């Protein structure tokens, strides 16, 4: 069955310590994709189409109802 999967883009900033001992900010992009049928949600790194497709594969593999859905962008 084809199911709509909504996605949202986020960015998170974390601080890492450089070789000189100073902290510097690093922006980490990530995407959350949610199944429209059951509400199962997966988070993956990146904002690209490939990230969306990877999340859709994970949604299919981890469906709590055991369905083999194919996910599409809304």
PDB file of N, CA and C in Angstrom:
ATOM      1  N   UNK A   1       0.842  -1.168   0.000  1.00  0.00           N
ATOM      2  CA  UNK A   1       0.000   0.000   0.000  1.00  0.00           C
ATOM      3  C   UNK A   1       0.895   1.241   0.000  1.00  0.00           C
ATOM      4  N   UNK A   2       0.483   2.248  -0.709  1.00  0.00           N
ATOM      5  CA  UNK A   2       1.210   3.515  -0.719  1.00  0.00           C
ATOM      6  C   UNK A   2       0.668   4.411   0.381  1.00  0.00           C
ATOM      7  N   UNK A   3       1.579   4.938   1.170  1.00  0.00           N
ATOM      8  CA  UNK A   3       1.212   5.746   2.329  1.00  0.00           C
ATOM      9  C   UNK A   3       1.990   7.052   2.285  1.00  0.00           C
ATOM     10  N   UNK A   4       1.319   8.122   2.652  1.00  0.00           N
ATOM     11  CA  UNK A   4       1.960   9.433   2.719  1.00  0.00           C
ATOM     12  C   UNK A   4       2.822   9.498   3.980  1.00  0.00           C
ATOM     13  N   UNK A   5       4.021  10.043   3.832  1.00  0.00           N
ATOM     14  CA  UNK A   5       4.927  10.194   4.976  1.00  0.00           C
ATOM     15  C   UNK A   5       5.354  11.649   5.066  1.00  0.00           C
ATOM     16  N   UNK A   6       4.904  12.319   6.098  1.00  0.00           N
ATOM     17  CA  UNK A   6       5.263  13.729   6.283  1.00  0.00           C
ATOM     18  C   UNK A   6       6.675  13.820   6.838  1.00  0.00           C
ATOM     19  N   UNK A   7       7.402  14.857   6.393  1.00  0.00           N
ATOM     20  CA  UNK A   7       8.761  15.021   6.904  1.00  0.00           C
ATOM     21  C   UNK A   7       8.991  16.453   7.347  1.00  0.00           C
ATOM     22  N   UNK A   8       9.826  16.604   8.363  1.00  0.00           N
ATOM     23  CA  UNK A   8      10.187  17.912   8.902  1.00  0.00           C
ATOM     24  C   UNK A   8      11.698  17.981   9.004  1.00  0.00           C
ATOM     25  N   UNK A   9      12.248  19.120   8.621  1.00  0.00           N
ATOM     26  CA  UNK A   9      13.688  19.342   8.703  1.00  0.00           C
ATOM     27  C   UNK A   9      14.028  20.102   9.977  1.00  0.00           C
ATOM     28  N   UNK A  10      15.092  19.684  10.622  1.00  0.00           N
ATOM     29  CA  UNK A  10      15.566  20.329  11.841  1.00  0.00           C
ATOM     30  C   UNK A  10      17.074  20.509  11.764  1.00  0.00           C
ATOM     31  N   UNK A  11      17.582  21.368  12.590  1.00  0.00           N
ATOM     32  CA  UNK A  11      19.022  21.505  12.761  1.00  0.00           C
ATOM     33  C   UNK A  11      19.307  21.625  14.249  1.00  0.00           C
ATOM     34  N   UNK A  12      20.380  21.021  14.653  1.00  0.00           N
ATOM     35  CA  UNK A  12      20.784  21.061  16.050  1.00  0.00           C
ATOM     36  C   UNK A  12      22.234  21.523  16.098  1.00  0.00           C
ATOM     37  N   UNK A  13      22.544  22.343  17.045  1.00  0.00           N
ATOM     38  CA  UNK A  13      23.917  22.807  17.199  1.00  0.00           C
ATOM     39  C   UNK A  13      24.528  22.146  18.420  1.00  0.00           C
ATOM     40  N   UNK A  14      25.665  21.528  18.198  1.00  0.00           N
ATOM     41  CA  UNK A  14      26.402  20.982  19.332  1.00  0.00           C
ATOM     42  C   UNK A  14      27.790  21.597  19.326  1.00  0.00           C
ATOM     43  N   UNK A  15      28.406  21.582  20.458  1.00  0.00           N
ATOM     44  CA  UNK A  15      29.725  22.199  20.585  1.00  0.00           C
ATOM     45  C   UNK A  15      30.784  21.121  20.741  1.00  0.00           C
ATOM     46  N   UNK A  16      31.846  21.271  19.960  1.00  0.00           N
ATOM     47  CA  UNK A  16      32.965  20.335  20.019  1.00  0.00           C
ATOM     48  C   UNK A  16      34.222  21.095  20.400  1.00  0.00           C
ATOM     49  N   UNK A  17      35.139  20.390  20.999  1.00  0.00           N
ATOM     50  CA  UNK A  17      36.384  21.017  21.424  1.00  0.00           C
ATOM     51  C   UNK A  17      37.457  20.773  20.370  1.00  0.00           C
ATOM     52  N   UNK A  18      38.066  21.854  19.915  1.00  0.00           N
ATOM     53  CA  UNK A  18      39.121  21.762  18.917  1.00  0.00           C
ATOM     54  C   UNK A  18      40.458  21.396  19.538  1.00  0.00           C
ATOM     55  N   UNK A  19      41.470  21.256  18.684  1.00  0.00           N
ATOM     56  CA  UNK A  19      42.805  20.892  19.153  1.00  0.00           C
ATOM     57  C   UNK A  19      43.398  21.959  20.072  1.00  0.00           C
ATOM     58  N   UNK A  20      42.960  23.188  19.896  1.00  0.00           N
ATOM     59  CA  UNK A  20      43.484  24.274  20.725  1.00  0.00           C
ATOM     60  C   UNK A  20      42.734  24.411  22.053  1.00  0.00           C
ATOM     61  N   UNK A  21      41.782  23.523  22.310  1.00  0.00           N
ATOM     62  CA  UNK A  21      41.050  23.549  23.567  1.00  0.00           C
ATOM     63  C   UNK A  21      39.821  24.435  23.564  1.00  0.00           C
ATOM     64  N   UNK A  22      39.557  25.123  22.462  1.00  0.00           N
ATOM     65  CA  UNK A  22      38.390  26.003  22.386  1.00  0.00           C
ATOM     66  C   UNK A  22      37.195  25.244  21.816  1.00  0.00           C
ATOM     67  N   UNK A  23      36.015  25.592  22.318  1.00  0.00           N
ATOM     68  CA  UNK A  23      34.784  25.004  21.796  1.00  0.00           C
ATOM     69  C   UNK A  23      34.343  25.758  20.557  1.00  0.00           C
ATOM     70  N   UNK A  24      33.810  25.015  19.580  1.00  0.00           N
ATOM     71  CA  UNK A  24      33.278  25.641  18.378  1.00  0.00           C
ATOM     72  C   UNK A  24      31.952  24.963  18.022  1.00  0.00           C
ATOM     73  N   UNK A  25      31.012  25.722  17.454  1.00  0.00           N
ATOM     74  CA  UNK A  25      29.695  25.152  17.139  1.00  0.00           C
ATOM     75  C   UNK A  25      29.721  24.333  15.849  1.00  0.00           C
ATOM     76  N   UNK A  26      28.974  23.239  15.848  1.00  0.00           N
ATOM     77  CA  UNK A  26      28.802  22.394  14.671  1.00  0.00           C
ATOM     78  C   UNK A  26      27.304  22.213  14.473  1.00  0.00           C
ATOM     79  N   UNK A  27      26.810  22.542  13.278  1.00  0.00           N
ATOM     80  CA  UNK A  27      25.388  22.384  12.974  1.00  0.00           C
ATOM     81  C   UNK A  27      25.156  21.005  12.369  1.00  0.00           C
ATOM     82  N   UNK A  28      24.216  20.266  12.946  1.00  0.00           N
ATOM     83  CA  UNK A  28      23.912  18.917  12.488  1.00  0.00           C
ATOM     84  C   UNK A  28      22.484  18.908  11.940  1.00  0.00           C
ATOM     85  N   UNK A  29      22.324  18.737  10.611  1.00  0.00           N
ATOM     86  CA  UNK A  29      20.976  18.677  10.043  1.00  0.00           C
ATOM     87  C   UNK A  29      20.381  17.276  10.219  1.00  0.00           C
ATOM     88  N   UNK A  30      19.087  17.231  10.522  1.00  0.00           N
ATOM     89  CA  UNK A  30      18.405  15.948  10.582  1.00  0.00           C
ATOM     90  C   UNK A  30      16.953  16.113  10.171  1.00  0.00           C
ATOM     91  N   UNK A  31      16.323  14.992   9.876  1.00  0.00           N
ATOM     92  CA  UNK A  31      14.962  14.967   9.350  1.00  0.00           C
ATOM     93  C   UNK A  31      14.180  13.914  10.119  1.00  0.00           C
ATOM     94  N   UNK A  32      12.936  14.237  10.458  1.00  0.00           N
ATOM     95  CA  UNK A  32      12.033  13.273  11.071  1.00  0.00           C
ATOM     96  C   UNK A  32      10.908  12.990  10.085  1.00  0.00           C
ATOM     97  N   UNK A  33      10.674  11.706   9.804  1.00  0.00           N
ATOM     98  CA  UNK A  33       9.636  11.281   8.865  1.00  0.00           C
ATOM     99  C   UNK A  33       8.630  10.434   9.637  1.00  0.00           C
ATOM    100  N   UNK A  34       7.335  10.738   9.456  1.00  0.00           N
ATOM    101  CA  UNK A  34       6.272  10.084  10.218  1.00  0.00           C
ATOM    102  C   UNK A  34       5.274   9.413   9.284  1.00  0.00           C
ATOM    103  N   UNK A  35       4.895   8.182   9.593  1.00  0.00           N
ATOM    104  CA  UNK A  35       3.900   7.437   8.820  1.00  0.00           C
ATOM    105  C   UNK A  35       2.513   8.020   9.083  1.00  0.00           C
ATOM    106  N   UNK A  36       1.755   8.270   8.018  1.00  0.00           N
ATOM    107  CA  UNK A  36       0.416   8.840   8.148  1.00  0.00           C
ATOM    108  C   UNK A  36      -0.601   7.817   8.661  1.00  0.00           C
ATOM    109  N   UNK A  37      -0.309   6.524   8.553  1.00  0.00           N
ATOM    110  CA  UNK A  37      -1.253   5.501   8.999  1.00  0.00           C
ATOM    111  C   UNK A  37      -1.142   5.193  10.490  1.00  0.00           C
ATOM    112  N   UNK A  38       0.082   5.007  10.972  1.00  0.00           N
ATOM    113  CA  UNK A  38       0.226   4.556  12.359  1.00  0.00           C
ATOM    114  C   UNK A  38       0.970   5.540  13.261  1.00  0.00           C
ATOM    115  N   UNK A  39       1.596   6.558  12.681  1.00  0.00           N
ATOM    116  CA  UNK A  39       2.307   7.541  13.488  1.00  0.00           C
ATOM    117  C   UNK A  39       3.729   7.157  13.849  1.00  0.00           C
ATOM    118  N   UNK A  40       4.210   6.012  13.337  1.00  0.00           N
ATOM    119  CA  UNK A  40       5.593   5.604  13.572  1.00  0.00           C
ATOM    120  C   UNK A  40       6.524   6.677  13.006  1.00  0.00           C
ATOM    121  N   UNK A  41       7.548   7.071  13.755  1.00  0.00           N
ATOM    122  CA  UNK A  41       8.449   8.140  13.319  1.00  0.00           C
ATOM    123  C   UNK A  41       9.894   7.660  13.332  1.00  0.00           C
ATOM    124  N   UNK A  42      10.647   8.100  12.331  1.00  0.00           N
ATOM    125  CA  UNK A  42      12.065   7.770  12.186  1.00  0.00           C
ATOM    126  C   UNK A  42      12.833   9.069  12.015  1.00  0.00           C
ATOM    127  N   UNK A  43      14.003   9.154  12.620  1.00  0.00           N
ATOM    128  CA  UNK A  43      14.867  10.320  12.470  1.00  0.00           C
ATOM    129  C   UNK A  43      16.155   9.892  11.787  1.00  0.00           C
ATOM    130  N   UNK A  44      16.551  10.649  10.750  1.00  0.00           N
ATOM    131  CA  UNK A  44      17.792  10.384  10.015  1.00  0.00           C
ATOM    132  C   UNK A  44      18.576  11.684   9.883  1.00  0.00           C
ATOM    133  N   UNK A  45      19.865  11.563   9.644  1.00  0.00           N
ATOM    134  CA  UNK A  45      20.706  12.734   9.450  1.00  0.00           C
ATOM    135  C   UNK A  45      20.588  13.241   8.027  1.00  0.00           C
ATOM    136  N   UNK A  46      20.636  14.562   7.848  1.00  0.00           N
ATOM    137  CA  UNK A  46      20.613  15.187   6.531  1.00  0.00           C
ATOM    138  C   UNK A  46      19.250  15.727   6.161  1.00  0.00           C
ATOM    139  N   UNK A  47      19.229  16.589   5.130  1.00  0.00           N
ATOM    140  CA  UNK A  47      17.989  17.179   4.619  1.00  0.00           C
ATOM    141  C   UNK A  47      17.718  16.769   3.175  1.00  0.00           C
ATOM    142  N   UNK A  48      18.526  15.909   2.602  1.00  0.00           N
ATOM    143  CA  UNK A  48      18.439  15.587   1.175  1.00  0.00           C
ATOM    144  C   UNK A  48      17.322  14.584   0.879  1.00  0.00           C
ATOM    145  N   UNK A  49      17.056  14.401  -0.407  1.00  0.00           N
ATOM    146  CA  UNK A  49      16.083  13.403  -0.851  1.00  0.00           C
ATOM    147  C   UNK A  49      16.540  12.001  -0.442  1.00  0.00           C
ATOM    148  N   UNK A  50      17.841  11.769  -0.484  1.00  0.00           N
ATOM    149  CA  UNK A  50      18.376  10.469  -0.078  1.00  0.00           C
ATOM    150  C   UNK A  50      18.090  10.190   1.398  1.00  0.00           C
ATOM    151  N   UNK A  51      18.148  11.227   2.223  1.00  0.00           N
ATOM    152  CA  UNK A  51      17.824  11.068   3.646  1.00  0.00           C
ATOM    153  C   UNK A  51      16.359  10.694   3.819  1.00  0.00           C
ATOM    154  N   UNK A  52      15.484  11.341   3.047  1.00  0.00           N
ATOM    155  CA  UNK A  52      14.055  11.022   3.095  1.00  0.00           C
ATOM    156  C   UNK A  52      13.822   9.571   2.679  1.00  0.00           C
ATOM    157  N   UNK A  53      14.472   9.140   1.598  1.00  0.00           N
ATOM    158  CA  UNK A  53      14.302   7.769   1.122  1.00  0.00           C
ATOM    159  C   UNK A  53      14.822   6.751   2.134  1.00  0.00           C
ATOM    160  N   UNK A  54      15.938   7.065   2.784  1.00  0.00           N
ATOM    161  CA  UNK A  54      16.473   6.168   3.817  1.00  0.00           C
ATOM    162  C   UNK A  54      15.496   6.052   4.983  1.00  0.00           C
ATOM    163  N   UNK A  55      14.879   7.159   5.360  1.00  0.00           N
ATOM    164  CA  UNK A  55      13.895   7.134   6.444  1.00  0.00           C
ATOM    165  C   UNK A  55      12.679   6.305   6.048  1.00  0.00           C
ATOM    166  N   UNK A  56      12.256   6.404   4.798  1.00  0.00           N
ATOM    167  CA  UNK A  56      11.106   5.620   4.331  1.00  0.00           C
ATOM    168  C   UNK A  56      11.399   4.123   4.391  1.00  0.00           C
ATOM    169  N   UNK A  57      12.615   3.734   4.045  1.00  0.00           N
ATOM    170  CA  UNK A  57      13.001   2.324   4.143  1.00  0.00           C
ATOM    171  C   UNK A  57      12.958   1.875   5.600  1.00  0.00           C
ATOM    172  N   UNK A  58      13.471   2.702   6.503  1.00  0.00           N
ATOM    173  CA  UNK A  58      13.444   2.363   7.923  1.00  0.00           C
ATOM    174  C   UNK A  58      12.011   2.284   8.453  1.00  0.00           C
ATOM    175  N   UNK A  59      11.132   3.175   7.975  1.00  0.00           N
ATOM    176  CA  UNK A  59       9.719   3.108   8.380  1.00  0.00           C
ATOM    177  C   UNK A  59       9.116   1.770   7.974  1.00  0.00           C
ATOM    178  N   UNK A  60       9.427   1.341   6.767  1.00  0.00           N
ATOM    179  CA  UNK A  60       8.889   0.076   6.267  1.00  0.00           C
ATOM    180  C   UNK A  60       9.394  -1.101   7.100  1.00  0.00           C
ATOM    181  N   UNK A  61      10.682  -1.070   7.457  1.00  0.00           N
ATOM    182  CA  UNK A  61      11.276  -2.176   8.207  1.00  0.00           C
ATOM    183  C   UNK A  61      10.839  -2.216   9.667  1.00  0.00           C
ATOM    184  N   UNK A  62      10.473  -1.065  10.221  1.00  0.00           N
ATOM    185  CA  UNK A  62      10.146  -1.006  11.653  1.00  0.00           C
ATOM    186  C   UNK A  62       8.668  -0.756  11.919  1.00  0.00           C
ATOM    187  N   UNK A  63       7.812  -1.018  10.950  1.00  0.00           N
ATOM    188  CA  UNK A  63       6.377  -0.780  11.123  1.00  0.00           C
ATOM    189  C   UNK A  63       5.854  -1.604  12.305  1.00  0.00           C
ATOM    190  N   UNK A  64       5.230  -0.954  13.296  1.00  0.00           N
ATOM    191  CA  UNK A  64       4.731  -1.694  14.459  1.00  0.00           C
ATOM    192  C   UNK A  64       3.569  -2.632  14.116  1.00  0.00           C
ATOM    193  N   UNK A  65       2.899  -2.391  12.984  1.00  0.00           N
ATOM    194  CA  UNK A  65       1.787  -3.246  12.567  1.00  0.00           C
ATOM    195  C   UNK A  65       2.240  -4.348  11.612  1.00  0.00           C
ATOM    196  N   UNK A  66       3.537  -4.355  11.249  1.00  0.00           N
ATOM    197  CA  UNK A  66       4.063  -5.379  10.354  1.00  0.00           C
ATOM    198  C   UNK A  66       3.653  -5.204   8.907  1.00  0.00           C
ATOM    199  N   UNK A  67       3.212  -4.007   8.527  1.00  0.00           N
ATOM    200  CA  UNK A  67       2.799  -3.751   7.150  1.00  0.00           C
ATOM    201  C   UNK A  67       4.017  -3.469   6.272  1.00  0.00           C
ATOM    202  N   UNK A  68       3.905  -3.768   4.994  1.00  0.00           N
ATOM    203  CA  UNK A  68       4.972  -3.497   4.033  1.00  0.00           C
ATOM    204  C   UNK A  68       4.563  -2.336   3.143  1.00  0.00           C
ATOM    205  N   UNK A  69       4.476  -1.158   3.721  1.00  0.00           N
ATOM    206  CA  UNK A  69       4.031   0.027   2.994  1.00  0.00           C
ATOM    207  C   UNK A  69       5.160   0.641   2.176  1.00  0.00           C
ATOM    208  N   UNK A  70       4.776   1.339   1.120  1.00  0.00           N
ATOM    209  CA  UNK A  70       5.698   2.159   0.345  1.00  0.00           C
ATOM    210  C   UNK A  70       5.329   3.604   0.639  1.00  0.00           C
ATOM    211  N   UNK A  71       6.301   4.390   1.040  1.00  0.00           N
ATOM    212  CA  UNK A  71       6.038   5.751   1.500  1.00  0.00           C
ATOM    213  C   UNK A  71       6.358   6.775   0.426  1.00  0.00           C
ATOM    214  N   UNK A  72       5.516   7.794   0.350  1.00  0.00           N
ATOM    215  CA  UNK A  72       5.659   8.883  -0.608  1.00  0.00           C
ATOM    216  C   UNK A  72       5.655  10.211   0.129  1.00  0.00           C
ATOM    217  N   UNK A  73       6.294  11.200  -0.474  1.00  0.00           N
ATOM    218  CA  UNK A  73       6.243  12.553   0.093  1.00  0.00           C
ATOM    219  C   UNK A  73       4.830  13.097  -0.082  1.00  0.00           C
ATOM    220  N   UNK A  74       4.341  13.879   0.885  1.00  0.00           N
ATOM    221  CA  UNK A  74       2.976  14.416   0.777  1.00  0.00           C
ATOM    222  C   UNK A  74       2.835  15.411  -0.359  1.00  0.00           C
TER     223      UNK A  74
END
